[in-house]
Amino acid sequence: MDIHIKYNSPNDPLHISQRKRDTKTTMRKYHSHVDHYEIYYLINGKRKYFIKDKTYYIESGNLVFINKGDLHRTFPVDDYEHERLLINFTEDCFFSKTEQFISILQFLFKQTRIIHLNKQKKQEFEYILHKMVREIKDADEAFNLFLKSLLSQFLISSVRYLKENTVRTQELTGSTYHAITDIIHYIDEHYQTSNLSLESVASNFFISPSYLSRIFQKVTGFTYSEYINHVRIQKAQKLLQESKMKVIDIAGEVGFNSLTHFGRVFKNNTHYTPSAYRKIYMD
């Protein structure tokens, strides 16, 4: 069964969804947000969560804060059944961007944070989340404004909890996980090199291509080529937003030796052509 409740109004800086699944599922393709912060709450079940360059074990009652731009993907541990609530938002979600507001965001999102809520706090946080879901279902007058008010409460409660409690991060460790972290750092530093083939990187780390391919997907949930495409496309998105470089020059700058291939990969992963994506941000 797949239960899905969603608030995703066009041009609204706040997106919320609740989903329950009892079949095998992994996030489609890669997943990151150039402009959006993300809060992930696992209501029931267990998941592995790859975020930026590490893999974490997530269980019921865990609250995850993911900074904008950080690559992330959840995938199964053993049992596929799980239920989660997801919140994505930008700074534009709030009317007043005071120094205090900015400091709250920096405190929560400057690094990957995973909060393990005790029974009492689990009830307190879920009360706010349930009110959000109820607002989405009822869609009463000005419910979108009320959603943003509830999000503010949630963020403030999270900061207070973190400042009063020691947080354990259940990072999955071991030689395999450490090796993949090193390889990810290597890819992030050399993404501009057109030759980042599985074979060449495996050779640099003195392992076989088949072994690298297998452990990369096991640890991150991504295929090797998916991850490289993510890094390059994300760098291209920033250049399209922040520079006046020609699209063909951006393609070469981020490691693509074919403009056609760059355009195809970019659209496959963002749903826009590079030119259309740039126009959105110019407008």
Protein backbone atom coordinates (compact mmCIF):
# COMPACT_ATOMS: atom_id res chain seq x y z
CA MET A 1 0.00 0.00 0.00
CA ASP A 2 1.20 3.53 -0.77
CA ILE A 3 -0.47 6.34 1.20
CA HIS A 4 0.53 9.82 0.14
CA ILE A 5 -0.51 13.21 1.52
CA LYS A 6 1.13 16.16 -0.20
CA TYR A 7 1.28 19.95 -0.10
CA ASN A 8 3.23 21.23 -3.08
CA SER A 9 1.64 24.44 -4.26
CA PRO A 10 3.39 26.05 -7.28
CA ASN A 11 5.78 28.87 -6.38
CA ASP A 12 5.33 28.18 -2.65
CA PRO A 13 8.66 27.92 -0.77
CA LEU A 14 7.19 25.23 1.51
CA HIS A 15 6.59 21.60 0.43
CA ILE A 16 5.28 18.88 2.77
CA SER A 17 4.51 15.24 2.13
CA GLN A 18 3.67 12.19 4.23
CA ARG A 19 4.11 8.76 2.70
CA LYS A 20 3.59 5.21 3.92
CA ARG A 21 4.89 2.27 1.91
CA ASP A 22 5.03 -1.49 2.42
CA THR A 23 6.79 -2.37 -0.81
CA LYS A 24 10.44 -2.16 -1.84
CA THR A 25 11.37 1.43 -2.54
CA THR A 26 14.42 3.64 -2.91
CA MET A 27 14.39 7.34 -3.72
CA ARG A 28 14.28 7.72 -7.48
CA LYS A 29 17.53 8.92 -9.01
CA TYR A 30 19.55 11.32 -6.92
CA HIS A 31 17.95 13.81 -4.63
CA SER A 32 19.19 17.20 -3.53
CA HIS A 33 17.92 20.76 -3.39
CA VAL A 34 19.99 23.72 -4.49
CA ASP A 35 17.78 26.16 -2.55
CA HIS A 36 15.73 24.05 -0.13
CA TYR A 37 16.44 22.84 3.38
CA GLU A 38 14.99 19.44 4.22
CA ILE A 39 13.57 17.89 7.39
CA TYR A 40 12.95 14.13 7.29
CA TYR A 41 11.00 12.43 10.09
CA LEU A 42 10.68 8.63 10.16
CA ILE A 43 7.34 7.83 11.76
CA ASN A 44 7.68 4.04 11.50
CA GLY A 45 10.21 1.58 10.15
CA LYS A 46 13.96 1.52 9.57
CA ARG A 47 16.04 2.98 6.74
CA LYS A 48 19.59 3.62 5.68
CA TYR A 49 20.19 7.25 4.78
CA PHE A 50 23.10 8.40 2.64
CA ILE A 51 23.74 12.13 3.17
CA LYS A 52 26.55 14.07 1.48
CA ASP A 53 29.39 11.58 2.02
CA LYS A 54 28.26 9.24 4.81
CA THR A 55 25.59 6.61 5.44
CA TYR A 56 23.46 6.59 8.58
CA TYR A 57 21.07 4.16 10.25
CA ILE A 58 17.64 5.74 10.77
CA GLU A 59 14.80 4.31 12.86
CA SER A 60 11.33 5.26 14.07
CA GLY A 61 11.36 8.56 15.96
CA ASN A 62 14.45 9.90 14.21
CA LEU A 63 14.48 13.47 12.92
CA VAL A 64 16.99 14.34 10.17
CA PHE A 65 18.10 17.84 9.12
CA ILE A 66 19.70 18.12 5.66
CA ASN A 67 21.35 21.28 4.39
CA LYS A 68 20.49 22.68 0.97
CA GLY A 69 22.70 21.24 -1.74
CA ASP A 70 23.57 18.06 0.16
CA LEU A 71 23.01 14.88 -1.82
CA HIS A 72 20.83 12.37 0.01
CA ARG A 73 18.95 9.15 -0.53
CA THR A 74 17.16 6.63 1.68
CA PHE A 75 17.10 2.91 1.00
CA PRO A 76 15.91 -0.24 2.87
CA VAL A 77 17.63 -1.93 5.78
CA ASP A 78 15.75 -5.25 5.76
CA ASP A 79 12.02 -4.58 6.09
CA TYR A 80 10.62 -2.37 3.32
CA GLU A 81 7.61 -1.07 5.26
CA HIS A 82 8.06 2.47 6.54
CA GLU A 83 6.27 5.78 6.96
CA ARG A 84 7.92 9.18 6.77
CA LEU A 85 7.08 12.87 6.72
CA LEU A 86 9.14 15.24 4.62
CA ILE A 87 9.40 19.05 4.81
CA ASN A 88 11.29 21.14 2.23
CA PHE A 89 11.51 24.91 2.53
CA THR A 90 13.56 27.98 1.65
CA GLU A 91 14.29 31.16 3.61
CA ASP A 92 11.47 32.81 1.62
CA CYS A 93 9.04 30.69 3.59
CA PHE A 94 9.22 33.19 6.43
CA PHE A 95 8.11 36.81 6.47
CA SER A 96 10.94 38.09 8.65
CA LYS A 97 14.51 36.95 8.08
CA THR A 98 16.04 38.36 11.24
CA GLU A 99 19.51 37.54 12.54
CA GLN A 100 17.87 35.25 15.08
CA PHE A 101 16.02 33.40 12.33
CA ILE A 102 19.20 32.98 10.27
CA SER A 103 21.10 31.73 13.32
CA ILE A 104 18.42 29.07 13.89
CA LEU A 105 18.82 27.79 10.34
CA GLN A 106 22.60 27.82 10.58
CA PHE A 107 22.52 25.96 13.88
CA LEU A 108 20.20 23.24 12.58
CA PHE A 109 21.55 22.78 9.07
CA LYS A 110 25.26 23.68 9.06
CA GLN A 111 25.95 19.96 9.44
CA THR A 112 23.93 16.77 9.14
CA ARG A 113 21.94 16.39 12.34
CA ILE A 114 19.99 13.31 13.38
CA ILE A 115 17.88 13.62 16.52
CA HIS A 116 16.80 10.48 18.37
CA LEU A 117 13.63 11.55 20.17
CA ASN A 118 12.62 9.95 23.45
CA LYS A 119 8.99 8.96 24.03
CA GLN A 120 7.93 12.31 25.51
CA LYS A 121 9.65 14.44 22.87
CA LYS A 122 8.41 12.13 20.12
CA GLN A 123 4.84 12.94 21.18
CA GLU A 124 5.56 16.70 21.31
CA PHE A 125 7.13 16.84 17.86
CA GLU A 126 4.56 14.54 16.29
CA TYR A 127 1.78 16.77 17.66
CA ILE A 128 3.09 19.66 15.53
CA LEU A 129 3.55 17.41 12.49
CA HIS A 130 0.05 16.00 12.85
CA LYS A 131 -1.33 19.55 12.95
CA MET A 132 0.50 20.25 9.69
CA VAL A 133 -1.02 17.20 8.04
CA ARG A 134 -4.49 18.13 9.35
CA GLU A 135 -4.14 21.64 7.89
CA ILE A 136 -3.22 20.16 4.50
CA LYS A 137 -6.22 17.82 4.59
CA ASP A 138 -8.73 20.46 5.70
CA ALA A 139 -7.31 23.32 3.59
CA ASP A 140 -9.23 25.93 5.58
CA GLU A 141 -8.85 29.69 5.19
CA ALA A 142 -5.17 30.78 5.17
CA PHE A 143 -4.00 27.25 5.98
CA ASN A 144 -0.78 27.85 4.06
CA LEU A 145 0.12 30.66 6.45
CA PHE A 146 -0.67 28.45 9.42
CA LEU A 147 1.63 25.75 8.01
CA LYS A 148 4.52 28.22 8.02
CA SER A 149 3.70 29.19 11.61
CA LEU A 150 3.79 25.53 12.63
CA LEU A 151 7.12 25.09 10.84
CA SER A 152 8.55 27.99 12.87
CA GLN A 153 7.42 26.26 16.07
CA PHE A 154 9.00 23.02 14.90
CA LEU A 155 12.36 24.66 14.15
CA ILE A 156 12.47 26.50 17.47
CA SER A 157 11.57 23.30 19.37
CA SER A 158 14.34 21.48 17.51
CA VAL A 159 16.96 24.07 18.49
CA ARG A 160 15.86 23.92 22.13
CA TYR A 161 16.05 20.12 22.11
CA LEU A 162 19.53 20.10 20.57
CA LYS A 163 20.86 22.61 23.08
CA GLU A 164 19.55 20.55 25.99
CA ASN A 165 20.47 17.05 24.83
CA THR A 166 23.51 15.13 23.62
CA VAL A 167 22.85 13.85 20.10
CA ARG A 168 24.17 10.50 18.88
CA THR A 169 24.65 10.13 15.14
CA GLN A 170 24.35 6.51 14.09
CA GLU A 171 26.87 6.71 11.26
CA LEU A 172 27.58 3.33 9.68
CA THR A 173 31.30 2.64 9.96
CA GLY A 174 33.82 0.06 8.83
CA SER A 175 36.49 -0.22 6.14
CA THR A 176 33.97 -0.35 3.28
CA TYR A 177 32.13 2.79 4.41
CA HIS A 178 35.40 4.67 4.99
CA ALA A 179 36.68 3.64 1.55
CA ILE A 180 33.55 4.96 -0.17
CA THR A 181 33.80 8.25 1.77
CA ASP A 182 37.37 8.66 0.45
CA ILE A 183 36.22 7.88 -3.10
CA ILE A 184 33.37 10.38 -2.83
CA HIS A 185 35.81 13.07 -1.72
CA TYR A 186 38.03 12.18 -4.69
CA ILE A 187 35.11 12.50 -7.11
CA ASP A 188 34.03 15.81 -5.56
CA GLU A 189 37.56 17.19 -6.05
CA HIS A 190 38.01 15.90 -9.63
CA TYR A 191 34.52 16.25 -11.13
CA GLN A 192 35.87 18.65 -13.79
CA THR A 193 38.01 15.85 -15.23
CA SER A 194 36.15 14.22 -18.09
CA ASN A 195 37.83 10.88 -17.39
CA LEU A 196 36.31 9.76 -14.11
CA SER A 197 35.48 6.32 -15.38
CA LEU A 198 34.76 3.49 -12.99
CA GLU A 199 37.92 1.79 -14.19
CA SER A 200 40.24 4.78 -13.65
CA VAL A 201 38.95 5.58 -10.16
CA ALA A 202 39.04 1.91 -9.14
CA SER A 203 42.65 1.78 -10.31
CA ASN A 204 43.52 4.85 -8.23
CA PHE A 205 42.19 3.11 -5.12
CA PHE A 206 43.70 -0.30 -5.98
CA ILE A 207 40.40 -2.15 -6.21
CA SER A 208 38.58 -3.83 -9.09
CA PRO A 209 35.90 -1.95 -11.05
CA SER A 210 33.30 -4.62 -10.28
CA TYR A 211 34.02 -4.40 -6.54
CA LEU A 212 33.84 -0.58 -6.60
CA SER A 213 30.55 -0.68 -8.49
CA ARG A 214 29.06 -3.16 -6.03
CA ILE A 215 30.12 -1.50 -2.78
CA PHE A 216 29.35 2.02 -4.03
CA GLN A 217 25.70 1.15 -4.57
CA LYS A 218 25.53 -0.89 -1.36
CA VAL A 219 26.86 1.97 0.77
CA THR A 220 25.20 4.97 -0.92
CA GLY A 221 22.13 3.60 -2.69
CA PHE A 222 23.45 5.17 -5.93
CA THR A 223 25.14 3.68 -8.92
CA TYR A 224 28.60 5.09 -9.59
CA SER A 225 27.47 6.96 -12.70
CA GLU A 226 24.40 8.41 -10.91
CA TYR A 227 26.61 9.99 -8.28
CA ILE A 228 29.04 11.55 -10.77
CA ASN A 229 26.13 12.94 -12.79
CA HIS A 230 24.71 14.48 -9.62
CA VAL A 231 27.93 16.25 -8.73
CA ARG A 232 28.38 17.64 -12.23
CA ILE A 233 24.76 18.72 -12.68
CA GLN A 234 24.67 20.42 -9.30
CA LYS A 235 27.83 22.39 -10.15
CA ALA A 236 26.24 23.29 -13.50
CA GLN A 237 23.08 24.52 -11.76
CA LYS A 238 25.12 26.94 -9.67
CA LEU A 239 26.98 28.24 -12.73
CA LEU A 240 23.72 28.72 -14.62
CA GLN A 241 22.33 30.72 -11.68
CA GLU A 242 25.39 32.74 -10.76
CA SER A 243 27.40 33.27 -13.96
CA LYS A 244 26.96 34.47 -17.52
CA MET A 245 28.98 31.60 -18.99
CA LYS A 246 27.64 30.03 -22.18
CA VAL A 247 25.95 26.65 -21.76
CA ILE A 248 28.57 24.94 -23.90
CA ASP A 249 31.33 26.36 -21.69
CA ILE A 250 29.51 25.25 -18.53
CA ALA A 251 29.24 21.74 -19.93
CA GLY A 252 33.01 21.58 -20.36
CA GLU A 253 33.65 23.26 -17.01
CA VAL A 254 31.78 20.53 -15.10
CA GLY A 255 33.36 17.60 -16.95
CA PHE A 256 31.12 16.88 -19.94
CA ASN A 257 32.91 16.56 -23.28
CA SER A 258 29.63 16.58 -25.24
CA LEU A 259 27.04 19.36 -25.15
CA THR A 260 24.36 16.92 -26.30
CA HIS A 261 25.16 14.49 -23.49
CA PHE A 262 25.23 17.34 -20.96
CA GLY A 263 21.81 18.56 -22.08
CA ARG A 264 20.32 15.09 -21.90
CA VAL A 265 21.69 14.35 -18.42
CA PHE A 266 20.71 17.82 -17.15
CA LYS A 267 17.11 17.49 -18.34
CA ASN A 268 16.84 13.91 -17.09
CA ASN A 269 17.74 15.03 -13.60
CA THR A 270 16.16 18.49 -13.33
CA HIS A 271 13.29 18.20 -15.86
CA TYR A 272 14.57 21.36 -17.60
CA THR A 273 17.02 22.10 -20.37
CA PRO A 274 20.03 24.14 -19.17
CA SER A 275 18.71 27.23 -20.98
CA ALA A 276 15.22 26.88 -19.52
CA TYR A 277 16.67 26.36 -16.03
CA ARG A 278 18.71 29.56 -16.34
CA LYS A 279 15.65 31.50 -17.53
CA ILE A 280 13.70 30.47 -14.45
CA TYR A 281 16.32 32.04 -12.18
CA MET A 282 16.75 35.12 -14.36
CA ASP A 283 13.02 35.74 -14.16
